C-alpha atoms as a PDB file:
ATOM      1  CA  MET A   1      -0.041  -0.174   0.145  1.00  0.00           C
ATOM      2  CA  ALA A   2       1.292   3.099  -0.810  1.00  0.00           C
ATOM      3  CA  ALA A   3       2.299   5.990   2.219  1.00  0.00           C
ATOM      4  CA  GLU A   4       0.011   8.095   2.348  1.00  0.00           C
ATOM      5  CA  GLU A   5       0.788  12.037   2.145  1.00  0.00           C
ATOM      6  CA  HIS A   6      -1.432  14.874   2.709  1.00  0.00           C
ATOM      7  CA  ILE A   7      -0.184  18.638   1.840  1.00  0.00           C
ATOM      8  CA  VAL A   8      -2.162  20.903   4.612  1.00  0.00           C
ATOM      9  CA  LYS A   9      -1.940  24.083   5.052  1.00  0.00           C
ATOM     10  CA  ILE A  10      -1.360  26.170   8.444  1.00  0.00           C
ATOM     11  CA  LEU A  11      -3.664  28.288   9.375  1.00  0.00           C
ATOM     12  CA  ALA A  12      -2.816  29.723  12.867  1.00  0.00           C
ATOM     13  CA  ALA A  13       0.576  29.676  14.806  1.00  0.00           C
ATOM     14  CA  GLU A  14       1.228  30.983  18.276  1.00  0.00           C
ATOM     15  CA  PHE A  15       3.743  30.674  20.840  1.00  0.00           C
ATOM     16  CA  VAL A  16       2.531  28.681  24.113  1.00  0.00           C
ATOM     17  CA  THR A  17       5.577  29.300  26.004  1.00  0.00           C
ATOM     18  CA  HIS A  18       9.043  31.175  25.472  1.00  0.00           C
ATOM     19  CA  ASN A  19       9.994  28.295  23.468  1.00  0.00           C
ATOM     20  CA  VAL A  20       7.092  26.149  22.341  1.00  0.00           C
ATOM     21  CA  ARG A  21       4.304  26.592  19.434  1.00  0.00           C
ATOM     22  CA  ARG A  22       1.230  25.490  18.708  1.00  0.00           C
ATOM     23  CA  PHE A  23       0.537  24.846  15.181  1.00  0.00           C
ATOM     24  CA  THR A  24      -3.413  24.949  13.796  1.00  0.00           C
ATOM     25  CA  LEU A  25      -3.403  22.949  10.810  1.00  0.00           C
ATOM     26  CA  GLU A  26      -6.216  21.721   8.017  1.00  0.00           C
ATOM     27  CA  LYS A  27      -7.810  18.364   8.429  1.00  0.00           C
ATOM     28  CA  PRO A  28      -7.583  16.676   5.186  1.00  0.00           C
ATOM     29  CA  ALA A  29     -10.807  14.523   4.836  1.00  0.00           C
ATOM     30  CA  GLY A  30     -11.105  11.545   6.249  1.00  0.00           C
ATOM     31  CA  TYR A  31      -7.685  11.464   8.209  1.00  0.00           C
ATOM     32  CA  LYS A  32      -8.161   9.845  11.622  1.00  0.00           C
ATOM     33  CA  PHE A  33      -6.046   9.413  14.398  1.00  0.00           C
ATOM     34  CA  GLU A  34      -6.762   8.481  18.387  1.00  0.00           C
ATOM     35  CA  PRO A  35      -5.021  10.440  21.026  1.00  0.00           C
ATOM     36  CA  GLY A  36      -1.197   9.703  21.612  1.00  0.00           C
ATOM     37  CA  GLN A  37      -0.168   8.665  17.730  1.00  0.00           C
ATOM     38  CA  ALA A  38       2.109  10.186  15.851  1.00  0.00           C
ATOM     39  CA  THR A  39       3.128  11.424  13.066  1.00  0.00           C
ATOM     40  CA  GLU A  40       5.717  12.379  10.468  1.00  0.00           C
ATOM     41  CA  ILE A  41       5.739  16.193   9.492  1.00  0.00           C
ATOM     42  CA  SER A  42       8.139  17.721   6.792  1.00  0.00           C
ATOM     43  CA  ILE A  43       8.160  21.516   5.671  1.00  0.00           C
ATOM     44  CA  ASN A  44       6.248  21.851   2.059  1.00  0.00           C
ATOM     45  CA  LYS A  45       9.608  23.756   0.832  1.00  0.00           C
ATOM     46  CA  PRO A  46      12.335  21.817  -1.859  1.00  0.00           C
ATOM     47  CA  GLU A  47      14.979  22.234   0.445  1.00  0.00           C
ATOM     48  CA  TRP A  48      13.206  20.842   3.472  1.00  0.00           C
ATOM     49  CA  LYS A  49      10.391  18.375   2.047  1.00  0.00           C
ATOM     50  CA  ASN A  50      12.499  15.202   2.685  1.00  0.00           C
ATOM     51  CA  GLU A  51      13.418  15.749   6.558  1.00  0.00           C
ATOM     52  CA  ARG A  52      10.629  14.268   8.305  1.00  0.00           C
ATOM     53  CA  ARG A  53      10.729  14.672  11.464  1.00  0.00           C
ATOM     54  CA  PRO A  54       7.635  12.302  14.244  1.00  0.00           C
ATOM     55  CA  PHE A  55       5.302  14.451  15.943  1.00  0.00           C
ATOM     56  CA  THR A  56       2.719  13.623  17.682  1.00  0.00           C
ATOM     57  CA  PHE A  57      -1.097  15.161  17.591  1.00  0.00           C
ATOM     58  CA  THR A  58      -2.233  17.294  20.460  1.00  0.00           C
ATOM     59  CA  SER A  59      -5.586  18.107  18.640  1.00  0.00           C
ATOM     60  CA  LEU A  60      -8.519  15.418  19.023  1.00  0.00           C
ATOM     61  CA  ASN A  61      -9.884  13.075  16.271  1.00  0.00           C
ATOM     62  CA  GLU A  62     -13.336  14.672  15.945  1.00  0.00           C
ATOM     63  CA  TRP A  63     -11.848  18.601  15.946  1.00  0.00           C
ATOM     64  CA  ASP A  64     -11.781  20.245  12.410  1.00  0.00           C
ATOM     65  CA  HIS A  65      -8.611  21.058  12.474  1.00  0.00           C
ATOM     66  CA  LEU A  66      -5.042  19.201  13.167  1.00  0.00           C
ATOM     67  CA  GLU A  67      -3.294  20.554  16.131  1.00  0.00           C
ATOM     68  CA  PHE A  68       0.266  19.936  16.661  1.00  0.00           C
ATOM     69  CA  THR A  69       1.978  21.491  19.796  1.00  0.00           C
ATOM     70  CA  ILE A  70       6.222  21.753  19.036  1.00  0.00           C
ATOM     71  CA  LYS A  71       9.137  22.571  20.874  1.00  0.00           C
ATOM     72  CA  ILE A  72      11.234  24.769  18.779  1.00  0.00           C
ATOM     73  CA  TYR A  73      15.334  24.237  19.183  1.00  0.00           C
ATOM     74  CA  THR A  74      16.601  27.948  17.390  1.00  0.00           C
ATOM     75  CA  ASP A  75      20.762  26.422  18.046  1.00  0.00           C
ATOM     76  CA  HIS A  76      20.773  24.832  15.242  1.00  0.00           C
ATOM     77  CA  ASN A  77      19.422  25.032  11.264  1.00  0.00           C
ATOM     78  CA  GLY A  78      17.197  22.119  11.905  1.00  0.00           C
ATOM     79  CA  VAL A  79      13.306  21.357  11.496  1.00  0.00           C
ATOM     80  CA  THR A  80      12.067  22.594  14.264  1.00  0.00           C
ATOM     81  CA  ASN A  81      14.180  26.072  13.883  1.00  0.00           C
ATOM     82  CA  GLU A  82      12.579  26.238  10.456  1.00  0.00           C
ATOM     83  CA  LEU A  83       8.776  25.205  12.584  1.00  0.00           C
ATOM     84  CA  GLY A  84       9.000  28.676  13.782  1.00  0.00           C
ATOM     85  CA  LYS A  85       9.839  31.092  11.214  1.00  0.00           C
ATOM     86  CA  LEU A  86       6.397  29.463   9.720  1.00  0.00           C
ATOM     87  CA  GLN A  87       3.414  31.808   9.530  1.00  0.00           C
ATOM     88  CA  PRO A  88      -0.290  31.105   9.084  1.00  0.00           C
ATOM     89  CA  GLY A  89      -0.753  29.633   4.675  1.00  0.00           C
ATOM     90  CA  ASP A  90       2.511  28.149   4.558  1.00  0.00           C
ATOM     91  CA  GLU A  91       2.503  24.064   4.053  1.00  0.00           C
ATOM     92  CA  LEU A  92       3.275  20.876   5.583  1.00  0.00           C
ATOM     93  CA  LEU A  93       3.636  17.763   4.583  1.00  0.00           C
ATOM     94  CA  LEU A  94       1.200  14.579   7.134  1.00  0.00           C
ATOM     95  CA  HIS A  95       2.686  11.384   6.402  1.00  0.00           C
ATOM     96  CA  ASP A  96       1.055   7.698   7.979  1.00  0.00           C
ATOM     97  CA  VAL A  97      -0.688   7.806  11.489  1.00  0.00           C
ATOM     98  CA  TRP A  98       1.582   5.501  13.649  1.00  0.00           C
ATOM     99  CA  GLY A  99       1.046   4.597  17.177  1.00  0.00           C
ATOM    100  CA  THR A 100       3.079   5.987  20.376  1.00  0.00           C
ATOM    101  CA  ILE A 101       1.102   5.394  23.534  1.00  0.00           C
ATOM    102  CA  HIS A 102      -2.137   4.297  24.212  1.00  0.00           C
ATOM    103  CA  TYR A 103      -4.175   4.999  26.690  1.00  0.00           C
ATOM    104  CA  ALA A 104      -4.348   2.081  29.109  1.00  0.00           C
ATOM    105  CA  GLY A 105      -6.921   3.016  32.581  1.00  0.00           C
ATOM    106  CA  PRO A 106      -6.351   4.961  34.763  1.00  0.00           C
ATOM    107  CA  GLY A 107      -2.903   5.457  36.267  1.00  0.00           C
ATOM    108  CA  THR A 108       0.032   8.486  36.555  1.00  0.00           C
ATOM    109  CA  PHE A 109       1.298  10.179  33.762  1.00  0.00           C
ATOM    110  CA  ILE A 110       5.256  11.427  34.085  1.00  0.00           C
ATOM    111  CA  ALA A 111       6.713  13.446  31.200  1.00  0.00           C
ATOM    112  CA  GLY A 112       9.974  15.502  31.282  1.00  0.00           C
ATOM    113  CA  GLY A 113       9.508  18.686  29.143  1.00  0.00           C
ATOM    114  CA  ALA A 114       8.401  18.610  25.753  1.00  0.00           C
ATOM    115  CA  GLY A 115       7.983  14.685  26.344  1.00  0.00           C
ATOM    116  CA  ILE A 116       4.059  16.186  27.370  1.00  0.00           C
ATOM    117  CA  THR A 117       2.801  16.161  23.929  1.00  0.00           C
ATOM    118  CA  PRO A 118       1.972  12.593  23.993  1.00  0.00           C
ATOM    119  CA  PHE A 119      -0.547  13.066  26.849  1.00  0.00           C
ATOM    120  CA  ILE A 120      -1.867  16.301  25.774  1.00  0.00           C
ATOM    121  CA  ALA A 121      -4.619  14.833  23.456  1.00  0.00           C
ATOM    122  CA  ILE A 122      -5.077  11.695  25.684  1.00  0.00           C
ATOM    123  CA  LEU A 123      -5.771  13.810  29.263  1.00  0.00           C
ATOM    124  CA  ARG A 124      -7.999  15.995  26.879  1.00  0.00           C
ATOM    125  CA  GLN A 125      -9.927  13.197  25.846  1.00  0.00           C
ATOM    126  CA  LEU A 126     -10.221  11.344  29.398  1.00  0.00           C
ATOM    127  CA  HIS A 127     -11.847  14.984  30.119  1.00  0.00           C
ATOM    128  CA  LYS A 128     -13.819  15.304  27.971  1.00  0.00           C
ATOM    129  CA  THR A 129     -15.779  11.537  28.250  1.00  0.00           C
ATOM    130  CA  GLY A 130     -15.431  12.389  32.144  1.00  0.00           C
ATOM    131  CA  LYS A 131     -12.622   9.702  32.565  1.00  0.00           C
ATOM    132  CA  LEU A 132      -9.818  11.955  33.968  1.00  0.00           C
ATOM    133  CA  ASP A 133     -10.914  11.573  37.865  1.00  0.00           C
ATOM    134  CA  ASN A 134      -8.752   8.879  38.391  1.00  0.00           C
ATOM    135  CA  ASN A 135      -5.098  10.087  36.494  1.00  0.00           C
ATOM    136  CA  LYS A 136      -2.244  12.046  37.885  1.00  0.00           C
ATOM    137  CA  LEU A 137       0.468  14.165  35.705  1.00  0.00           C
ATOM    138  CA  ILE A 138       3.475  14.505  37.198  1.00  0.00           C
ATOM    139  CA  PHE A 139       5.256  17.294  35.466  1.00  0.00           C
ATOM    140  CA  SER A 140       9.120  17.890  35.349  1.00  0.00           C
ATOM    141  CA  ASN A 141      10.821  20.995  33.698  1.00  0.00           C
ATOM    142  CA  ARG A 142      14.042  23.245  33.784  1.00  0.00           C
ATOM    143  CA  THR A 143      12.220  26.505  35.183  1.00  0.00           C
ATOM    144  CA  GLU A 144       8.618  27.845  35.164  1.00  0.00           C
ATOM    145  CA  LYS A 145       8.174  29.669  32.257  1.00  0.00           C
ATOM    146  CA  ASP A 146       8.657  25.861  30.266  1.00  0.00           C
ATOM    147  CA  ILE A 147       5.863  24.182  31.304  1.00  0.00           C
ATOM    148  CA  ILE A 148       3.753  23.928  28.883  1.00  0.00           C
ATOM    149  CA  LEU A 149      -0.283  24.091  28.902  1.00  0.00           C
ATOM    150  CA  LYS A 150       0.354  25.019  32.583  1.00  0.00           C
ATOM    151  CA  ASP A 151      -3.387  26.477  32.800  1.00  0.00           C
ATOM    152  CA  GLU A 152      -5.491  23.665  31.038  1.00  0.00           C
ATOM    153  CA  PHE A 153      -3.863  21.192  32.708  1.00  0.00           C
ATOM    154  CA  THR A 154      -4.734  23.102  36.303  1.00  0.00           C
ATOM    155  CA  THR A 155      -8.253  22.962  35.079  1.00  0.00           C
ATOM    156  CA  MET A 156      -8.340  19.756  34.137  1.00  0.00           C
ATOM    157  CA  LEU A 157      -6.800  17.459  37.298  1.00  0.00           C
ATOM    158  CA  GLY A 158      -6.277  20.269  39.976  1.00  0.00           C
ATOM    159  CA  ASP A 159      -4.620  18.850  42.622  1.00  0.00           C
ATOM    160  CA  ARG A 160      -3.538  15.909  40.921  1.00  0.00           C
ATOM    161  CA  PHE A 161      -1.632  18.107  38.570  1.00  0.00           C
ATOM    162  CA  ILE A 162       1.882  18.248  40.232  1.00  0.00           C
ATOM    163  CA  ASN A 163       5.324  20.508  39.057  1.00  0.00           C
ATOM    164  CA  THR A 164       8.356  19.957  39.988  1.00  0.00           C
ATOM    165  CA  LEU A 165      11.190  22.261  38.610  1.00  0.00           C
ATOM    166  CA  THR A 166      15.725  21.246  37.859  1.00  0.00           C
ATOM    167  CA  GLN A 167      16.767  24.338  37.363  1.00  0.00           C
ATOM    168  CA  GLN A 168      14.395  26.579  39.701  1.00  0.00           C
ATOM    169  CA  SER A 169      13.483  26.940  43.272  1.00  0.00           C
ATOM    170  CA  THR A 170      10.117  28.121  44.036  1.00  0.00           C
ATOM    171  CA  PRO A 171       7.657  28.228  46.413  1.00  0.00           C
ATOM    172  CA  GLN A 172       4.532  27.112  44.605  1.00  0.00           C
ATOM    173  CA  TYR A 173       6.564  24.026  42.292  1.00  0.00           C
ATOM    174  CA  ASP A 174       8.526  21.149  43.745  1.00  0.00           C
ATOM    175  CA  ASN A 175      12.198  21.733  43.505  1.00  0.00           C
ATOM    176  CA  ARG A 176      13.091  17.788  42.762  1.00  0.00           C
ATOM    177  CA  LYS A 177      14.427  15.409  40.854  1.00  0.00           C
ATOM    178  CA  ILE A 178      11.539  12.349  40.002  1.00  0.00           C
ATOM    179  CA  ASP A 179      13.112   9.335  41.659  1.00  0.00           C
ATOM    180  CA  ALA A 180      12.056   6.454  44.030  1.00  0.00           C
ATOM    181  CA  ALA A 181      11.728   8.865  46.893  1.00  0.00           C
ATOM    182  CA  TYR A 182       9.386  11.114  44.879  1.00  0.00           C
ATOM    183  CA  LEU A 183       7.397   8.632  43.587  1.00  0.00           C
ATOM    184  CA  LYS A 184       7.060   7.396  47.216  1.00  0.00           C
ATOM    185  CA  GLU A 185       5.878  10.693  48.223  1.00  0.00           C
ATOM    186  CA  LYS A 186       3.861  11.206  45.361  1.00  0.00           C
ATOM    187  CA  VAL A 187       2.236   8.279  44.358  1.00  0.00           C
ATOM    188  CA  GLY A 188       2.260   5.449  47.186  1.00  0.00           C
ATOM    189  CA  ASP A 189       0.095   2.839  44.899  1.00  0.00           C
ATOM    190  CA  PHE A 190       2.558   0.934  42.356  1.00  0.00           C
ATOM    191  CA  ASN A 191       0.388  -1.257  41.156  1.00  0.00           C
ATOM    192  CA  GLN A 192      -1.688   1.172  38.226  1.00  0.00           C
ATOM    193  CA  TYR A 193      -0.362   1.820  34.892  1.00  0.00           C
ATOM    194  CA  PHE A 194       2.083   4.674  34.747  1.00  0.00           C
ATOM    195  CA  TYR A 195       2.802   6.629  31.298  1.00  0.00           C
ATOM    196  CA  ILE A 196       6.268   7.897  31.204  1.00  0.00           C
ATOM    197  CA  CYS A 197       7.927   9.846  28.261  1.00  0.00           C
ATOM    198  CA  GLY A 198      10.690  12.864  27.780  1.00  0.00           C
ATOM    199  CA  PRO A 199      14.307  12.469  27.433  1.00  0.00           C
ATOM    200  CA  ASP A 200      16.049   9.274  26.629  1.00  0.00           C
ATOM    201  CA  PRO A 201      17.888   8.898  29.909  1.00  0.00           C
ATOM    202  CA  MET A 202      15.038  10.150  31.806  1.00  0.00           C
ATOM    203  CA  VAL A 203      12.627   7.259  30.915  1.00  0.00           C
ATOM    204  CA  GLU A 204      15.155   4.727  31.361  1.00  0.00           C
ATOM    205  CA  GLU A 205      16.000   5.358  34.202  1.00  0.00           C
ATOM    206  CA  LEU A 206      11.962   6.081  35.533  1.00  0.00           C
ATOM    207  CA  GLU A 207      11.208   2.633  34.203  1.00  0.00           C
ATOM    208  CA  ALA A 208      13.606   0.797  36.086  1.00  0.00           C
ATOM    209  CA  THR A 209      12.696   2.929  39.097  1.00  0.00           C
ATOM    210  CA  LEU A 210       9.347   2.047  38.930  1.00  0.00           C
ATOM    211  CA  LEU A 211      10.161  -1.920  38.563  1.00  0.00           C
ATOM    212  CA  GLN A 212      12.234  -1.629  41.329  1.00  0.00           C
ATOM    213  CA  LEU A 213       9.536  -0.270  43.333  1.00  0.00           C
ATOM    214  CA  GLY A 214       6.821  -3.236  42.177  1.00  0.00           C
ATOM    215  CA  THR A 215       5.337  -1.897  38.962  1.00  0.00           C
ATOM    216  CA  PRO A 216       4.403  -5.055  37.089  1.00  0.00           C
ATOM    217  CA  LYS A 217       6.255  -4.173  33.698  1.00  0.00           C
ATOM    218  CA  GLU A 218       2.774  -4.751  31.701  1.00  0.00           C
ATOM    219  CA  LYS A 219       2.136  -1.714  33.676  1.00  0.00           C
ATOM    220  CA  VAL A 220       4.621   0.576  32.376  1.00  0.00           C
ATOM    221  CA  ILE A 221       3.730   2.366  29.586  1.00  0.00           C
ATOM    222  CA  ARG A 222       6.291   4.031  26.871  1.00  0.00           C
ATOM    223  CA  GLU A 223       6.309   5.348  23.324  1.00  0.00           C
ATOM    224  CA  GLN A 224       6.241   2.552  20.710  1.00  0.00           C
ATOM    225  CA  PHE A 225       8.204   2.753  17.655  1.00  0.00           C
END
C-alpha cells in the first residue's frame, strides 16, 4: 500500500511558552488518529520536504482541524528551527499515522519537558469523556516558564497536576528530581499504570525505578516505535 502524504496549510501558529509553538492545520478529509498517536511532518519546500520528523497530535480526532504542539530548537538549523519561522498559509506535509502511547487505564502520567506532548490529547479526551478523575500528572521542567499548557492542566486536574522544577526553586512548585523517594511521596500505589515520556535517559531510569518499586512491567507504558 502506498504511503500516505497530505499537503496541509498552516491556519494559525502561536507560541504557548517561550520556545513551544502550537500549530493549527487544515485536516484532510477522512484523516483519523487516536490520542497518543503521531505522524511524520515535513515542510513543503524543496530543501525541506525530505526532512521528516515525528510529532504527536495534540488535537482530538473529532476536531475539524489538526493541532501540533512543538518545541522549537533554535541552536541549530534544523526542522524545528525552520518550523519556528513559518506563518499561516505556509504548507506542511503529513505522512502515515502511527502509534506511540495508548491509554490502558487509570494511572500516573510522568513527563519531562516536551515529553508531555503525547499525553496532551489523551488527557483532553479523558477530560471530555469524564474519565480523568483517577489519573494524575507529574511534570518535570527546568523552570516555571517551561511548563507547557500549565493553565489547561491545572483546570483539568487540579491538585492532581504536580510540577517539579530541576533548575529553579519557587514556593509554588517542587524543586526535586523524579526518583524513587519522590515517587513514594507523590504516588504511593505502584500497582497502577504509569505512562512515561521525556528524554531517553529519564525514561530508562524511571522505568527501572518503577520496576524496582514493584510496578508490573506490563503497567509501565512508554513510546512504541
